[in-house]
Amino acid sequence: MTREARDAAGDVHDRMPAFLDDEVMREWIAPGKLEKDEREHLHGALGEVSEKIARTLVTHPVDRAVNNVRTLDRSDSGLIAPIDLG
């Protein structure tokens, strides 16, 4: 599930994951049909929680190899290590 990118995520892409805390996650995945006011409440809570968590994101440049799925070694922690662009 994605939403419009905010804060640091917007520097990277125009979409970002919607972040949920435990409480909103339980509400979001609860089975059953919601009434209109319940849906509006849940969407509002989703927006609030997601933006709160998004404000804590920090970005840094990484090696372009992270985008090459043909040669990518998913166990290589160096892929997410910050690099110097200078």
PDB file of N, CA and C in Angstrom:
ATOM      1  N   MET A   1       0.850  -1.154   0.000  1.00  0.00           N
ATOM      2  CA  MET A   1       0.000   0.000   0.000  1.00  0.00           C
ATOM      3  C   MET A   1       0.906   1.231   0.000  1.00  0.00           C
ATOM      4  N   THR A   2       0.672   2.134  -0.931  1.00  0.00           N
ATOM      5  CA  THR A   2       1.498   3.331  -1.014  1.00  0.00           C
ATOM      6  C   THR A   2       0.638   4.582  -0.910  1.00  0.00           C
ATOM      7  N   ARG A   3       1.316   5.684  -0.743  1.00  0.00           N
ATOM      8  CA  ARG A   3       0.668   6.982  -0.658  1.00  0.00           C
ATOM      9  C   ARG A   3       1.614   8.028  -1.222  1.00  0.00           C
ATOM     10  N   GLU A   4       1.154   9.255  -1.316  1.00  0.00           N
ATOM     11  CA  GLU A   4       2.004  10.344  -1.778  1.00  0.00           C
ATOM     12  C   GLU A   4       3.208  10.453  -0.851  1.00  0.00           C
ATOM     13  N   ALA A   5       4.389  10.620  -1.437  1.00  0.00           N
ATOM     14  CA  ALA A   5       5.608  10.712  -0.635  1.00  0.00           C
ATOM     15  C   ALA A   5       5.650  12.031   0.125  1.00  0.00           C
ATOM     16  N   ARG A   6       6.093  11.965   1.354  1.00  0.00           N
ATOM     17  CA  ARG A   6       6.241  13.138   2.210  1.00  0.00           C
ATOM     18  C   ARG A   6       7.623  13.142   2.816  1.00  0.00           C
ATOM     19  N   ASP A   7       8.034  14.306   3.284  1.00  0.00           N
ATOM     20  CA  ASP A   7       9.304  14.456   3.994  1.00  0.00           C
ATOM     21  C   ASP A   7      10.472  13.900   3.185  1.00  0.00           C
ATOM     22  N   ALA A   8      11.368  13.163   3.816  1.00  0.00           N
ATOM     23  CA  ALA A   8      12.579  12.683   3.148  1.00  0.00           C
ATOM     24  C   ALA A   8      12.257  11.739   1.995  1.00  0.00           C
ATOM     25  N   ALA A   9      11.205  10.964   2.100  1.00  0.00           N
ATOM     26  CA  ALA A   9      10.866  10.020   1.033  1.00  0.00           C
ATOM     27  C   ALA A   9      10.566  10.737  -0.273  1.00  0.00           C
ATOM     28  N   GLY A  10      10.028  11.939  -0.227  1.00  0.00           N
ATOM     29  CA  GLY A  10       9.708  12.685  -1.432  1.00  0.00           C
ATOM     30  C   GLY A  10      10.926  13.097  -2.221  1.00  0.00           C
ATOM     31  N   ASP A  11      12.091  13.089  -1.591  1.00  0.00           N
ATOM     32  CA  ASP A  11      13.329  13.390  -2.304  1.00  0.00           C
ATOM     33  C   ASP A  11      13.756  12.221  -3.189  1.00  0.00           C
ATOM     34  N   VAL A  12      13.238  11.043  -2.907  1.00  0.00           N
ATOM     35  CA  VAL A  12      13.647   9.832  -3.598  1.00  0.00           C
ATOM     36  C   VAL A  12      12.629   9.403  -4.651  1.00  0.00           C
ATOM     37  N   HIS A  13      11.347   9.504  -4.329  1.00  0.00           N
ATOM     38  CA  HIS A  13      10.290   8.996  -5.213  1.00  0.00           C
ATOM     39  C   HIS A  13       8.999   9.726  -4.883  1.00  0.00           C
ATOM     40  N   ASP A  14       8.060   9.744  -5.818  1.00  0.00           N
ATOM     41  CA  ASP A  14       6.804  10.447  -5.571  1.00  0.00           C
ATOM     42  C   ASP A  14       5.799   9.610  -4.774  1.00  0.00           C
ATOM     43  N   ARG A  15       6.088   8.319  -4.579  1.00  0.00           N
ATOM     44  CA  ARG A  15       5.240   7.445  -3.766  1.00  0.00           C
ATOM     45  C   ARG A  15       6.084   6.872  -2.632  1.00  0.00           C
ATOM     46  N   MET A  16       5.434   6.521  -1.537  1.00  0.00           N
ATOM     47  CA  MET A  16       6.129   5.886  -0.420  1.00  0.00           C
ATOM     48  C   MET A  16       5.175   4.899   0.233  1.00  0.00           C
ATOM     49  N   PRO A  17       5.704   3.961   1.008  1.00  0.00           N
ATOM     50  CA  PRO A  17       4.817   3.037   1.719  1.00  0.00           C
ATOM     51  C   PRO A  17       3.946   3.802   2.710  1.00  0.00           C
ATOM     52  N   ALA A  18       2.757   3.298   2.935  1.00  0.00           N
ATOM     53  CA  ALA A  18       1.934   3.810   4.028  1.00  0.00           C
ATOM     54  C   ALA A  18       2.388   3.065   5.277  1.00  0.00           C
ATOM     55  N   PHE A  19       2.755   3.792   6.295  1.00  0.00           N
ATOM     56  CA  PHE A  19       3.260   3.190   7.524  1.00  0.00           C
ATOM     57  C   PHE A  19       2.122   3.061   8.527  1.00  0.00           C
ATOM     58  N   LEU A  20       2.101   1.949   9.241  1.00  0.00           N
ATOM     59  CA  LEU A  20       1.070   1.701  10.242  1.00  0.00           C
ATOM     60  C   LEU A  20       1.722   1.355  11.571  1.00  0.00           C
ATOM     61  N   ASP A  21       1.161   1.859  12.660  1.00  0.00           N
ATOM     62  CA  ASP A  21       1.599   1.383  13.965  1.00  0.00           C
ATOM     63  C   ASP A  21       0.735   0.174  14.321  1.00  0.00           C
ATOM     64  N   ASP A  22       1.004  -0.467  15.441  1.00  0.00           N
ATOM     65  CA  ASP A  22       0.287  -1.699  15.791  1.00  0.00           C
ATOM     66  C   ASP A  22      -1.218  -1.491  15.900  1.00  0.00           C
ATOM     67  N   GLU A  23      -1.631  -0.394  16.500  1.00  0.00           N
ATOM     68  CA  GLU A  23      -3.066  -0.145  16.703  1.00  0.00           C
ATOM     69  C   GLU A  23      -3.794   0.014  15.368  1.00  0.00           C
ATOM     70  N   VAL A  24      -3.267   0.858  14.498  1.00  0.00           N
ATOM     71  CA  VAL A  24      -3.917   1.078  13.207  1.00  0.00           C
ATOM     72  C   VAL A  24      -3.824  -0.185  12.352  1.00  0.00           C
ATOM     73  N   MET A  25      -2.719  -0.935  12.477  1.00  0.00           N
ATOM     74  CA  MET A  25      -2.591  -2.186  11.728  1.00  0.00           C
ATOM     75  C   MET A  25      -3.713  -3.149  12.096  1.00  0.00           C
ATOM     76  N   ARG A  26      -3.998  -3.291  13.371  1.00  0.00           N
ATOM     77  CA  ARG A  26      -5.073  -4.199  13.791  1.00  0.00           C
ATOM     78  C   ARG A  26      -6.414  -3.748  13.218  1.00  0.00           C
ATOM     79  N   GLU A  27      -6.676  -2.444  13.232  1.00  0.00           N
ATOM     80  CA  GLU A  27      -7.913  -1.931  12.663  1.00  0.00           C
ATOM     81  C   GLU A  27      -7.954  -2.169  11.156  1.00  0.00           C
ATOM     82  N   TRP A  28      -6.818  -1.932  10.485  1.00  0.00           N
ATOM     83  CA  TRP A  28      -6.759  -2.016   9.025  1.00  0.00           C
ATOM     84  C   TRP A  28      -7.032  -3.435   8.532  1.00  0.00           C
ATOM     85  N   ILE A  29      -6.494  -4.440   9.230  1.00  0.00           N
ATOM     86  CA  ILE A  29      -6.648  -5.816   8.749  1.00  0.00           C
ATOM     87  C   ILE A  29      -7.840  -6.545   9.368  1.00  0.00           C
ATOM     88  N   ALA A  30      -8.579  -5.885  10.248  1.00  0.00           N
ATOM     89  CA  ALA A  30      -9.737  -6.528  10.861  1.00  0.00           C
ATOM     90  C   ALA A  30     -10.763  -6.888   9.781  1.00  0.00           C
ATOM     91  N   PRO A  31     -11.282  -8.106   9.837  1.00  0.00           N
ATOM     92  CA  PRO A  31     -12.276  -8.508   8.828  1.00  0.00           C
ATOM     93  C   PRO A  31     -13.595  -7.762   9.019  1.00  0.00           C
ATOM     94  N   GLY A  32     -14.352  -7.706   7.959  1.00  0.00           N
ATOM     95  CA  GLY A  32     -15.673  -7.105   8.036  1.00  0.00           C
ATOM     96  C   GLY A  32     -15.787  -5.838   7.218  1.00  0.00           C
ATOM     97  N   LYS A  33     -17.010  -5.491   6.910  1.00  0.00           N
ATOM     98  CA  LYS A  33     -17.291  -4.295   6.125  1.00  0.00           C
ATOM     99  C   LYS A  33     -17.426  -3.095   7.062  1.00  0.00           C
ATOM    100  N   LEU A  34     -16.862  -1.975   6.656  1.00  0.00           N
ATOM    101  CA  LEU A  34     -16.916  -0.762   7.467  1.00  0.00           C
ATOM    102  C   LEU A  34     -17.977   0.190   6.937  1.00  0.00           C
ATOM    103  N   GLU A  35     -18.608   0.877   7.844  1.00  0.00           N
ATOM    104  CA  GLU A  35     -19.535   1.938   7.455  1.00  0.00           C
ATOM    105  C   GLU A  35     -18.715   3.142   7.010  1.00  0.00           C
ATOM    106  N   LYS A  36     -19.352   4.081   6.328  1.00  0.00           N
ATOM    107  CA  LYS A  36     -18.657   5.239   5.780  1.00  0.00           C
ATOM    108  C   LYS A  36     -17.876   6.000   6.854  1.00  0.00           C
ATOM    109  N   ASP A  37     -18.493   6.266   8.007  1.00  0.00           N
ATOM    110  CA  ASP A  37     -17.792   7.021   9.055  1.00  0.00           C
ATOM    111  C   ASP A  37     -16.605   6.234   9.616  1.00  0.00           C
ATOM    112  N   GLU A  38     -16.715   4.905   9.665  1.00  0.00           N
ATOM    113  CA  GLU A  38     -15.604   4.076  10.133  1.00  0.00           C
ATOM    114  C   GLU A  38     -14.451   4.108   9.127  1.00  0.00           C
ATOM    115  N   ARG A  39     -14.787   4.062   7.833  1.00  0.00           N
ATOM    116  CA  ARG A  39     -13.747   4.157   6.793  1.00  0.00           C
ATOM    117  C   ARG A  39     -13.038   5.503   6.856  1.00  0.00           C
ATOM    118  N   GLU A  40     -13.793   6.570   7.011  1.00  0.00           N
ATOM    119  CA  GLU A  40     -13.201   7.903   7.080  1.00  0.00           C
ATOM    120  C   GLU A  40     -12.277   8.023   8.287  1.00  0.00           C
ATOM    121  N   HIS A  41     -12.714   7.485   9.426  1.00  0.00           N
ATOM    122  CA  HIS A  41     -11.869   7.495  10.631  1.00  0.00           C
ATOM    123  C   HIS A  41     -10.572   6.726  10.379  1.00  0.00           C
ATOM    124  N   LEU A  42     -10.681   5.544   9.783  1.00  0.00           N
ATOM    125  CA  LEU A  42      -9.509   4.712   9.554  1.00  0.00           C
ATOM    126  C   LEU A  42      -8.554   5.364   8.554  1.00  0.00           C
ATOM    127  N   HIS A  43      -9.084   5.955   7.499  1.00  0.00           N
ATOM    128  CA  HIS A  43      -8.216   6.645   6.531  1.00  0.00           C
ATOM    129  C   HIS A  43      -7.524   7.843   7.180  1.00  0.00           C
ATOM    130  N   GLY A  44      -8.239   8.557   8.032  1.00  0.00           N
ATOM    131  CA  GLY A  44      -7.625   9.677   8.747  1.00  0.00           C
ATOM    132  C   GLY A  44      -6.518   9.220   9.672  1.00  0.00           C
ATOM    133  N   ALA A  45      -6.778   8.121  10.412  1.00  0.00           N
ATOM    134  CA  ALA A  45      -5.763   7.576  11.322  1.00  0.00           C
ATOM    135  C   ALA A  45      -4.561   7.080  10.536  1.00  0.00           C
ATOM    136  N   LEU A  46      -4.816   6.461   9.391  1.00  0.00           N
ATOM    137  CA  LEU A  46      -3.730   5.984   8.541  1.00  0.00           C
ATOM    138  C   LEU A  46      -2.848   7.153   8.109  1.00  0.00           C
ATOM    139  N   GLY A  47      -3.475   8.236   7.697  1.00  0.00           N
ATOM    140  CA  GLY A  47      -2.711   9.415   7.275  1.00  0.00           C
ATOM    141  C   GLY A  47      -1.893  10.001   8.401  1.00  0.00           C
ATOM    142  N   GLU A  48      -2.492  10.130   9.572  1.00  0.00           N
ATOM    143  CA  GLU A  48      -1.787  10.709  10.719  1.00  0.00           C
ATOM    144  C   GLU A  48      -0.597   9.863  11.143  1.00  0.00           C
ATOM    145  N   VAL A  49      -0.825   8.562  11.290  1.00  0.00           N
ATOM    146  CA  VAL A  49       0.245   7.666  11.733  1.00  0.00           C
ATOM    147  C   VAL A  49       1.337   7.587  10.681  1.00  0.00           C
ATOM    148  N   SER A  50       0.944   7.459   9.428  1.00  0.00           N
ATOM    149  CA  SER A  50       1.919   7.344   8.351  1.00  0.00           C
ATOM    150  C   SER A  50       2.809   8.590   8.273  1.00  0.00           C
ATOM    151  N   GLU A  51       2.206   9.759   8.393  1.00  0.00           N
ATOM    152  CA  GLU A  51       2.999  10.989   8.338  1.00  0.00           C
ATOM    153  C   GLU A  51       3.903  11.130   9.558  1.00  0.00           C
ATOM    154  N   LYS A  52       3.424  10.713  10.709  1.00  0.00           N
ATOM    155  CA  LYS A  52       4.250  10.775  11.921  1.00  0.00           C
ATOM    156  C   LYS A  52       5.495   9.903  11.756  1.00  0.00           C
ATOM    157  N   ILE A  53       5.309   8.697  11.250  1.00  0.00           N
ATOM    158  CA  ILE A  53       6.441   7.796  11.044  1.00  0.00           C
ATOM    159  C   ILE A  53       7.332   8.311   9.927  1.00  0.00           C
ATOM    160  N   ALA A  54       6.740   8.843   8.848  1.00  0.00           N
ATOM    161  CA  ALA A  54       7.524   9.353   7.713  1.00  0.00           C
ATOM    162  C   ALA A  54       8.452  10.482   8.136  1.00  0.00           C
ATOM    163  N   ARG A  55       8.029  11.292   9.099  1.00  0.00           N
ATOM    164  CA  ARG A  55       8.883  12.398   9.556  1.00  0.00           C
ATOM    165  C   ARG A  55      10.176  11.908  10.209  1.00  0.00           C
ATOM    166  N   THR A  56      10.223  10.642  10.596  1.00  0.00           N
ATOM    167  CA  THR A  56      11.421  10.103  11.234  1.00  0.00           C
ATOM    168  C   THR A  56      12.395   9.493  10.221  1.00  0.00           C
ATOM    169  N   LEU A  57      11.996   9.405   8.948  1.00  0.00           N
ATOM    170  CA  LEU A  57      12.861   8.799   7.925  1.00  0.00           C
ATOM    171  C   LEU A  57      14.076   9.675   7.640  1.00  0.00           C
ATOM    172  N   VAL A  58      15.183   9.028   7.418  1.00  0.00           N
ATOM    173  CA  VAL A  58      16.422   9.709   7.058  1.00  0.00           C
ATOM    174  C   VAL A  58      16.938   9.020   5.792  1.00  0.00           C
ATOM    175  N   THR A  59      17.367   9.811   4.822  1.00  0.00           N
ATOM    176  CA  THR A  59      17.885   9.227   3.587  1.00  0.00           C
ATOM    177  C   THR A  59      19.372   9.504   3.444  1.00  0.00           C
ATOM    178  N   HIS A  60      20.030   8.676   2.652  1.00  0.00           N
ATOM    179  CA  HIS A  60      21.422   8.899   2.285  1.00  0.00           C
ATOM    180  C   HIS A  60      21.660   8.210   0.935  1.00  0.00           C
ATOM    181  N   PRO A  61      22.596   8.734   0.140  1.00  0.00           N
ATOM    182  CA  PRO A  61      22.884   8.106  -1.151  1.00  0.00           C
ATOM    183  C   PRO A  61      23.522   6.732  -0.960  1.00  0.00           C
ATOM    184  N   VAL A  62      23.158   5.800  -1.851  1.00  0.00           N
ATOM    185  CA  VAL A  62      23.736   4.455  -1.835  1.00  0.00           C
ATOM    186  C   VAL A  62      24.254   4.125  -3.231  1.00  0.00           C
ATOM    187  N   ASP A  63      25.036   3.073  -3.312  1.00  0.00           N
ATOM    188  CA  ASP A  63      25.608   2.654  -4.586  1.00  0.00           C
ATOM    189  C   ASP A  63      24.505   2.269  -5.575  1.00  0.00           C
ATOM    190  N   ARG A  64      24.713   2.582  -6.850  1.00  0.00           N
ATOM    191  CA  ARG A  64      23.727   2.272  -7.894  1.00  0.00           C
ATOM    192  C   ARG A  64      23.503   0.771  -8.044  1.00  0.00           C
ATOM    193  N   ALA A  65      24.391  -0.040  -7.538  1.00  0.00           N
ATOM    194  CA  ALA A  65      24.248  -1.500  -7.629  1.00  0.00           C
ATOM    195  C   ALA A  65      22.959  -1.975  -6.965  1.00  0.00           C
ATOM    196  N   VAL A  66      22.425  -1.187  -6.063  1.00  0.00           N
ATOM    197  CA  VAL A  66      21.196  -1.566  -5.378  1.00  0.00           C
ATOM    198  C   VAL A  66      20.030  -1.711  -6.373  1.00  0.00           C
ATOM    199  N   ASN A  67      20.128  -1.079  -7.529  1.00  0.00           N
ATOM    200  CA  ASN A  67      19.064  -1.135  -8.531  1.00  0.00           C
ATOM    201  C   ASN A  67      19.257  -2.210  -9.580  1.00  0.00           C
ATOM    202  N   ASN A  68      20.358  -2.946  -9.545  1.00  0.00           N
ATOM    203  CA  ASN A  68      20.623  -3.946 -10.562  1.00  0.00           C
ATOM    204  C   ASN A  68      20.195  -5.321 -10.062  1.00  0.00           C
ATOM    205  N   VAL A  69      18.979  -5.726 -10.393  1.00  0.00           N
ATOM    206  CA  VAL A  69      18.441  -6.990  -9.881  1.00  0.00           C
ATOM    207  C   VAL A  69      19.144  -8.209 -10.473  1.00  0.00           C
ATOM    208  N   ARG A  70      19.828  -8.043 -11.599  1.00  0.00           N
ATOM    209  CA  ARG A  70      20.516  -9.182 -12.221  1.00  0.00           C
ATOM    210  C   ARG A  70      21.786  -9.570 -11.451  1.00  0.00           C
ATOM    211  N   THR A  71      22.458  -8.606 -10.872  1.00  0.00           N
ATOM    212  CA  THR A  71      23.711  -8.901 -10.157  1.00  0.00           C
ATOM    213  C   THR A  71      23.597  -8.646  -8.656  1.00  0.00           C
ATOM    214  N   LEU A  72      22.436  -8.281  -8.207  1.00  0.00           N
ATOM    215  CA  LEU A  72      22.213  -7.919  -6.811  1.00  0.00           C
ATOM    216  C   LEU A  72      22.421  -9.109  -5.876  1.00  0.00           C
ATOM    217  N   ASP A  73      23.232  -8.916  -4.861  1.00  0.00           N
ATOM    218  CA  ASP A  73      23.389  -9.903  -3.794  1.00  0.00           C
ATOM    219  C   ASP A  73      22.600  -9.376  -2.602  1.00  0.00           C
ATOM    220  N   ARG A  74      21.428  -9.909  -2.375  1.00  0.00           N
ATOM    221  CA  ARG A  74      20.525  -9.396  -1.333  1.00  0.00           C
ATOM    222  C   ARG A  74      21.108  -9.513   0.070  1.00  0.00           C
ATOM    223  N   SER A  75      22.122 -10.332   0.254  1.00  0.00           N
ATOM    224  CA  SER A  75      22.729 -10.470   1.581  1.00  0.00           C
ATOM    225  C   SER A  75      23.866  -9.469   1.797  1.00  0.00           C
ATOM    226  N   ASP A  76      24.184  -8.662   0.788  1.00  0.00           N
ATOM    227  CA  ASP A  76      25.278  -7.689   0.885  1.00  0.00           C
ATOM    228  C   ASP A  76      24.800  -6.422   1.597  1.00  0.00           C
ATOM    229  N   SER A  77      25.141  -6.288   2.870  1.00  0.00           N
ATOM    230  CA  SER A  77      24.709  -5.110   3.635  1.00  0.00           C
ATOM    231  C   SER A  77      25.370  -3.835   3.128  1.00  0.00           C
ATOM    232  N   GLY A  78      26.447  -3.971   2.361  1.00  0.00           N
ATOM    233  CA  GLY A  78      27.110  -2.796   1.789  1.00  0.00           C
ATOM    234  C   GLY A  78      26.234  -2.049   0.799  1.00  0.00           C
ATOM    235  N   LEU A  79      25.192  -2.697   0.288  1.00  0.00           N
ATOM    236  CA  LEU A  79      24.296  -2.030  -0.665  1.00  0.00           C
ATOM    237  C   LEU A  79      23.589  -0.831  -0.055  1.00  0.00           C
ATOM    238  N   ILE A  80      23.372  -0.860   1.224  1.00  0.00           N
ATOM    239  CA  ILE A  80      22.666   0.257   1.865  1.00  0.00           C
ATOM    240  C   ILE A  80      23.604   1.178   2.646  1.00  0.00           C
ATOM    241  N   ALA A  81      24.899   0.934   2.518  1.00  0.00           N
ATOM    242  CA  ALA A  81      25.878   1.792   3.189  1.00  0.00           C
ATOM    243  C   ALA A  81      25.922   3.159   2.490  1.00  0.00           C
ATOM    244  N   PRO A  82      25.988   4.235   3.269  1.00  0.00           N
ATOM    245  CA  PRO A  82      26.068   5.570   2.651  1.00  0.00           C
ATOM    246  C   PRO A  82      27.329   5.710   1.794  1.00  0.00           C
ATOM    247  N   ILE A  83      27.197   6.414   0.676  1.00  0.00           N
ATOM    248  CA  ILE A  83      28.357   6.712  -0.159  1.00  0.00           C
ATOM    249  C   ILE A  83      28.537   8.226  -0.252  1.00  0.00           C
ATOM    250  N   ASP A  84      29.747   8.624  -0.586  1.00  0.00           N
ATOM    251  CA  ASP A  84      30.064  10.046  -0.757  1.00  0.00           C
ATOM    252  C   ASP A  84      29.897  10.396  -2.222  1.00  0.00           C
ATOM    253  N   LEU A  85      29.066  11.378  -2.526  1.00  0.00           N
ATOM    254  CA  LEU A  85      28.847  11.770  -3.911  1.00  0.00           C
ATOM    255  C   LEU A  85      29.881  12.774  -4.401  1.00  0.00           C
ATOM    256  N   GLY A  86      30.723  13.267  -3.504  1.00  0.00           N
ATOM    257  CA  GLY A  86      31.690  14.296  -3.844  1.00  0.00           C
ATOM    258  C   GLY A  86      32.852  13.783  -4.533  1.00  0.00           C
TER     259      GLY A  86
END
